[in-house]
Amino acid sequence: MDPEIHHSSSPGISEHQMDSNLRMTINYRERCRMHDLNAALDELRSVIPYAHGTTVRKLSKIATLLLAKNHIIMQMKAIDELKTVIGELREQVKSLEENPKRKSPSPRSD
């Protein structure tokens, strides 16, 4: 390998300057990435119930993600329960349509 061959395509720019410019570019990209991540987490905190309660400090990143995960799981369970109720109600409607003379159960009074 010839020691006279430089990897730089720009004459007059030292390797140190190139490394410095590359590091600045990488740092800038990382700052932008972190800014975007923090903005997304702030948006997530704003829509999660209990995330903006009486606590003085905002939730940490991990706490935000765990709370969001738990909220999603609770919503999925609620949806499953509602699907079950809808299925039961459809069966009742079908039964009433098939037997229209049958008296429907009266509402209970407690």
N, C-alpha and C. Protein backbone atom coordinates (compact mmCIF):
# COMPACT_ATOMS: atom_id res chain seq x y z
N MET A 1 0.83 -1.16 0.00
CA MET A 1 0.00 0.00 0.00
C MET A 1 0.88 1.23 0.00
N ASP A 2 0.54 2.20 -0.81
CA ASP A 2 1.33 3.42 -0.95
C ASP A 2 0.94 4.41 0.15
N PRO A 3 1.88 4.82 1.02
CA PRO A 3 1.56 5.77 2.09
C PRO A 3 1.20 7.15 1.56
N GLU A 4 1.50 7.43 0.31
CA GLU A 4 1.19 8.74 -0.27
C GLU A 4 -0.27 8.88 -0.66
N ILE A 5 -0.98 7.77 -0.78
CA ILE A 5 -2.38 7.81 -1.19
C ILE A 5 -3.23 8.21 0.02
N HIS A 6 -4.03 9.26 -0.16
CA HIS A 6 -4.91 9.73 0.91
C HIS A 6 -6.33 9.29 0.60
N HIS A 7 -7.09 9.04 1.63
CA HIS A 7 -8.48 8.63 1.46
C HIS A 7 -9.39 9.82 1.23
N SER A 8 -8.87 11.01 1.36
CA SER A 8 -9.68 12.21 1.21
C SER A 8 -9.86 12.55 -0.26
N SER A 9 -11.08 12.89 -0.61
CA SER A 9 -11.34 13.31 -1.98
C SER A 9 -11.26 14.82 -2.09
N SER A 10 -11.19 15.52 -0.95
CA SER A 10 -11.11 16.98 -0.95
C SER A 10 -9.70 17.40 -0.59
N PRO A 11 -8.99 18.01 -1.52
CA PRO A 11 -7.63 18.45 -1.20
C PRO A 11 -7.66 19.58 -0.18
N GLY A 12 -6.71 19.58 0.73
CA GLY A 12 -6.59 20.65 1.70
C GLY A 12 -7.34 20.40 2.99
N ILE A 13 -8.12 19.34 3.08
CA ILE A 13 -8.83 19.02 4.32
C ILE A 13 -8.08 17.90 5.02
N SER A 14 -7.68 18.15 6.24
CA SER A 14 -6.92 17.14 6.97
C SER A 14 -7.84 16.02 7.44
N GLU A 15 -7.21 14.90 7.77
CA GLU A 15 -7.98 13.76 8.26
C GLU A 15 -8.66 14.12 9.58
N HIS A 16 -7.99 14.93 10.39
CA HIS A 16 -8.57 15.36 11.66
C HIS A 16 -9.83 16.19 11.43
N GLN A 17 -9.79 17.08 10.43
CA GLN A 17 -10.97 17.89 10.11
C GLN A 17 -12.11 17.00 9.62
N MET A 18 -11.77 16.01 8.80
CA MET A 18 -12.80 15.11 8.30
C MET A 18 -13.43 14.33 9.45
N ASP A 19 -12.59 13.84 10.36
CA ASP A 19 -13.10 13.11 11.52
C ASP A 19 -13.98 14.02 12.37
N SER A 20 -13.55 15.26 12.53
CA SER A 20 -14.31 16.22 13.32
C SER A 20 -15.66 16.52 12.66
N ASN A 21 -15.65 16.71 11.35
CA ASN A 21 -16.90 16.97 10.62
C ASN A 21 -17.83 15.75 10.69
N LEU A 22 -17.26 14.57 10.55
CA LEU A 22 -18.06 13.36 10.62
C LEU A 22 -18.68 13.23 12.01
N ARG A 23 -17.89 13.48 13.05
CA ARG A 23 -18.39 13.39 14.42
C ARG A 23 -19.49 14.41 14.65
N MET A 24 -19.34 15.63 14.13
CA MET A 24 -20.37 16.66 14.28
C MET A 24 -21.66 16.22 13.58
N THR A 25 -21.53 15.63 12.40
CA THR A 25 -22.70 15.16 11.67
C THR A 25 -23.40 14.04 12.43
N ILE A 26 -22.63 13.10 12.95
CA ILE A 26 -23.20 11.99 13.72
C ILE A 26 -23.88 12.52 14.97
N ASN A 27 -23.24 13.46 15.67
CA ASN A 27 -23.83 14.04 16.88
C ASN A 27 -25.13 14.77 16.56
N TYR A 28 -25.16 15.49 15.45
CA TYR A 28 -26.37 16.22 15.05
C TYR A 28 -27.51 15.25 14.77
N ARG A 29 -27.21 14.18 14.05
CA ARG A 29 -28.24 13.17 13.77
C ARG A 29 -28.76 12.54 15.06
N GLU A 30 -27.86 12.26 15.99
CA GLU A 30 -28.28 11.65 17.25
C GLU A 30 -29.14 12.62 18.06
N ARG A 31 -28.77 13.91 18.08
CA ARG A 31 -29.60 14.90 18.78
C ARG A 31 -30.98 14.98 18.16
N CYS A 32 -31.06 14.96 16.84
CA CYS A 32 -32.36 14.98 16.16
C CYS A 32 -33.17 13.74 16.48
N ARG A 33 -32.51 12.60 16.50
CA ARG A 33 -33.20 11.34 16.80
C ARG A 33 -33.75 11.38 18.23
N MET A 34 -32.95 11.84 19.17
CA MET A 34 -33.39 11.92 20.57
C MET A 34 -34.52 12.94 20.73
N HIS A 35 -34.42 14.05 20.00
CA HIS A 35 -35.48 15.05 20.05
C HIS A 35 -36.80 14.45 19.55
N ASP A 36 -36.73 13.73 18.44
CA ASP A 36 -37.93 13.08 17.89
C ASP A 36 -38.50 12.04 18.86
N LEU A 37 -37.62 11.25 19.47
CA LEU A 37 -38.05 10.24 20.44
C LEU A 37 -38.72 10.90 21.64
N ASN A 38 -38.11 11.96 22.17
CA ASN A 38 -38.69 12.65 23.32
C ASN A 38 -40.03 13.30 22.98
N ALA A 39 -40.14 13.85 21.78
CA ALA A 39 -41.41 14.45 21.35
C ALA A 39 -42.49 13.37 21.25
N ALA A 40 -42.13 12.21 20.71
CA ALA A 40 -43.10 11.11 20.60
C ALA A 40 -43.52 10.62 21.99
N LEU A 41 -42.58 10.54 22.92
CA LEU A 41 -42.93 10.12 24.28
C LEU A 41 -43.82 11.16 24.96
N ASP A 42 -43.57 12.43 24.72
CA ASP A 42 -44.43 13.48 25.28
C ASP A 42 -45.85 13.35 24.73
N GLU A 43 -45.97 13.07 23.43
CA GLU A 43 -47.30 12.86 22.84
C GLU A 43 -47.98 11.64 23.47
N LEU A 44 -47.22 10.58 23.68
CA LEU A 44 -47.78 9.38 24.29
C LEU A 44 -48.25 9.68 25.71
N ARG A 45 -47.44 10.42 26.48
CA ARG A 45 -47.84 10.79 27.84
C ARG A 45 -49.13 11.59 27.85
N SER A 46 -49.34 12.39 26.81
CA SER A 46 -50.52 13.26 26.79
C SER A 46 -51.82 12.48 26.56
N VAL A 47 -51.74 11.27 26.03
CA VAL A 47 -52.96 10.51 25.75
C VAL A 47 -53.16 9.31 26.68
N ILE A 48 -52.17 9.03 27.52
CA ILE A 48 -52.31 7.91 28.45
C ILE A 48 -53.02 8.39 29.71
N PRO A 49 -54.11 7.71 30.08
CA PRO A 49 -54.75 8.08 31.35
C PRO A 49 -53.77 7.89 32.50
N TYR A 50 -53.88 8.73 33.48
CA TYR A 50 -53.06 8.69 34.69
C TYR A 50 -51.62 9.15 34.48
N ALA A 51 -51.22 9.45 33.25
CA ALA A 51 -49.85 9.88 33.01
C ALA A 51 -49.65 11.34 33.37
N HIS A 52 -50.72 12.08 33.44
CA HIS A 52 -50.60 13.51 33.75
C HIS A 52 -51.44 13.83 34.98
N GLY A 53 -51.26 13.02 35.98
CA GLY A 53 -52.02 13.19 37.22
C GLY A 53 -51.37 14.20 38.15
N THR A 54 -51.36 13.87 39.42
CA THR A 54 -50.89 14.81 40.43
C THR A 54 -49.39 14.74 40.66
N THR A 55 -48.69 13.90 39.93
CA THR A 55 -47.25 13.80 40.13
C THR A 55 -46.57 15.08 39.68
N VAL A 56 -45.52 15.44 40.38
CA VAL A 56 -44.80 16.68 40.08
C VAL A 56 -43.92 16.50 38.85
N ARG A 57 -43.26 15.36 38.78
CA ARG A 57 -42.33 15.12 37.67
C ARG A 57 -43.03 14.32 36.58
N LYS A 58 -42.59 14.54 35.34
CA LYS A 58 -43.17 13.74 34.26
C LYS A 58 -42.61 12.33 34.35
N LEU A 59 -43.36 11.41 33.78
CA LEU A 59 -42.96 10.01 33.83
C LEU A 59 -41.66 9.79 33.06
N SER A 60 -40.87 8.84 33.52
CA SER A 60 -39.65 8.47 32.79
C SER A 60 -40.05 7.77 31.50
N LYS A 61 -39.08 7.57 30.64
CA LYS A 61 -39.36 6.89 29.37
C LYS A 61 -39.89 5.48 29.61
N ILE A 62 -39.22 4.74 30.49
CA ILE A 62 -39.65 3.37 30.73
C ILE A 62 -41.01 3.33 31.40
N ALA A 63 -41.26 4.24 32.35
CA ALA A 63 -42.57 4.28 33.01
C ALA A 63 -43.67 4.62 32.00
N THR A 64 -43.38 5.52 31.08
CA THR A 64 -44.34 5.88 30.04
C THR A 64 -44.68 4.67 29.18
N LEU A 65 -43.66 3.94 28.75
CA LEU A 65 -43.88 2.77 27.90
C LEU A 65 -44.63 1.67 28.65
N LEU A 66 -44.28 1.45 29.91
CA LEU A 66 -44.98 0.41 30.68
C LEU A 66 -46.43 0.79 30.93
N LEU A 67 -46.68 2.05 31.24
CA LEU A 67 -48.05 2.50 31.45
C LEU A 67 -48.86 2.37 30.16
N ALA A 68 -48.25 2.73 29.03
CA ALA A 68 -48.93 2.61 27.74
C ALA A 68 -49.23 1.15 27.43
N LYS A 69 -48.27 0.27 27.69
CA LYS A 69 -48.48 -1.16 27.46
C LYS A 69 -49.64 -1.68 28.30
N ASN A 70 -49.65 -1.34 29.58
CA ASN A 70 -50.72 -1.80 30.47
C ASN A 70 -52.07 -1.24 30.04
N HIS A 71 -52.09 0.01 29.60
CA HIS A 71 -53.34 0.61 29.14
C HIS A 71 -53.86 -0.12 27.89
N ILE A 72 -52.97 -0.44 26.98
CA ILE A 72 -53.36 -1.17 25.77
C ILE A 72 -53.91 -2.55 26.14
N ILE A 73 -53.26 -3.23 27.07
CA ILE A 73 -53.74 -4.55 27.50
C ILE A 73 -55.13 -4.44 28.11
N MET A 74 -55.35 -3.42 28.96
CA MET A 74 -56.67 -3.22 29.55
C MET A 74 -57.72 -2.95 28.48
N GLN A 75 -57.37 -2.15 27.48
CA GLN A 75 -58.31 -1.85 26.40
C GLN A 75 -58.63 -3.10 25.60
N MET A 76 -57.63 -3.95 25.36
CA MET A 76 -57.87 -5.19 24.63
C MET A 76 -58.81 -6.11 25.40
N LYS A 77 -58.63 -6.18 26.73
CA LYS A 77 -59.52 -7.01 27.56
C LYS A 77 -60.94 -6.45 27.53
N ALA A 78 -61.06 -5.13 27.60
CA ALA A 78 -62.40 -4.50 27.56
C ALA A 78 -63.08 -4.79 26.23
N ILE A 79 -62.32 -4.73 25.14
CA ILE A 79 -62.88 -5.03 23.82
C ILE A 79 -63.36 -6.48 23.76
N ASP A 80 -62.54 -7.39 24.28
CA ASP A 80 -62.95 -8.81 24.30
C ASP A 80 -64.23 -9.01 25.09
N GLU A 81 -64.32 -8.35 26.25
CA GLU A 81 -65.53 -8.46 27.07
C GLU A 81 -66.75 -7.90 26.32
N LEU A 82 -66.56 -6.78 25.65
CA LEU A 82 -67.67 -6.19 24.89
C LEU A 82 -68.09 -7.08 23.73
N LYS A 83 -67.12 -7.72 23.09
CA LYS A 83 -67.46 -8.66 22.01
C LYS A 83 -68.30 -9.81 22.55
N THR A 84 -67.97 -10.28 23.75
CA THR A 84 -68.75 -11.35 24.37
C THR A 84 -70.17 -10.88 24.64
N VAL A 85 -70.31 -9.69 25.19
CA VAL A 85 -71.64 -9.13 25.48
C VAL A 85 -72.43 -8.97 24.19
N ILE A 86 -71.79 -8.46 23.15
CA ILE A 86 -72.47 -8.28 21.87
C ILE A 86 -72.95 -9.63 21.34
N GLY A 87 -72.10 -10.65 21.44
CA GLY A 87 -72.50 -11.98 21.00
C GLY A 87 -73.70 -12.50 21.76
N GLU A 88 -73.70 -12.29 23.08
CA GLU A 88 -74.83 -12.73 23.90
C GLU A 88 -76.10 -11.97 23.52
N LEU A 89 -75.98 -10.68 23.30
CA LEU A 89 -77.15 -9.88 22.92
C LEU A 89 -77.68 -10.29 21.55
N ARG A 90 -76.79 -10.60 20.63
CA ARG A 90 -77.24 -11.07 19.30
C ARG A 90 -78.01 -12.37 19.43
N GLU A 91 -77.52 -13.25 20.29
CA GLU A 91 -78.23 -14.52 20.51
C GLU A 91 -79.62 -14.26 21.10
N GLN A 92 -79.71 -13.31 22.02
CA GLN A 92 -81.02 -12.98 22.60
C GLN A 92 -81.96 -12.40 21.55
N VAL A 93 -81.44 -11.52 20.70
CA VAL A 93 -82.26 -10.93 19.63
C VAL A 93 -82.73 -12.02 18.69
N LYS A 94 -81.81 -12.90 18.31
CA LYS A 94 -82.16 -14.01 17.41
C LYS A 94 -83.25 -14.88 18.04
N SER A 95 -83.10 -15.17 19.31
CA SER A 95 -84.09 -15.99 20.02
C SER A 95 -85.44 -15.29 20.06
N LEU A 96 -85.45 -14.00 20.31
CA LEU A 96 -86.70 -13.24 20.34
C LEU A 96 -87.34 -13.16 18.96
N GLU A 97 -86.51 -13.05 17.93
CA GLU A 97 -87.06 -13.00 16.56
C GLU A 97 -87.68 -14.34 16.17
N GLU A 98 -87.07 -15.43 16.63
CA GLU A 98 -87.58 -16.76 16.32
C GLU A 98 -88.84 -17.07 17.13
N ASN A 99 -88.97 -16.52 18.31
CA ASN A 99 -90.11 -16.77 19.19
C ASN A 99 -90.71 -15.43 19.63
N PRO A 100 -91.37 -14.72 18.73
CA PRO A 100 -91.84 -13.37 19.07
C PRO A 100 -92.91 -13.34 20.15
N LYS A 101 -93.65 -14.43 20.35
CA LYS A 101 -94.72 -14.43 21.34
C LYS A 101 -94.18 -14.66 22.75
N ARG A 102 -92.96 -15.12 22.82
CA ARG A 102 -92.35 -15.38 24.12
C ARG A 102 -92.09 -14.07 24.84
N LYS A 103 -92.43 -14.02 26.07
CA LYS A 103 -92.29 -12.78 26.84
C LYS A 103 -90.82 -12.58 27.20
N SER A 104 -90.33 -11.36 27.00
CA SER A 104 -88.95 -11.08 27.37
C SER A 104 -88.87 -10.89 28.87
N PRO A 105 -87.72 -11.21 29.45
CA PRO A 105 -87.59 -11.07 30.90
C PRO A 105 -87.74 -9.61 31.31
N SER A 106 -88.48 -9.40 32.39
CA SER A 106 -88.68 -8.03 32.86
C SER A 106 -87.43 -7.55 33.58
N PRO A 107 -87.17 -6.25 33.49
CA PRO A 107 -85.97 -5.73 34.18
C PRO A 107 -86.11 -5.90 35.68
N ARG A 108 -85.01 -6.25 36.30
CA ARG A 108 -85.02 -6.43 37.75
C ARG A 108 -84.98 -5.09 38.44
N SER A 109 -85.71 -4.99 39.53
CA SER A 109 -85.64 -3.77 40.33
C SER A 109 -85.03 -4.14 41.67
N ASP A 110 -83.92 -3.52 41.97
CA ASP A 110 -83.22 -3.83 43.23
C ASP A 110 -83.62 -2.89 44.32
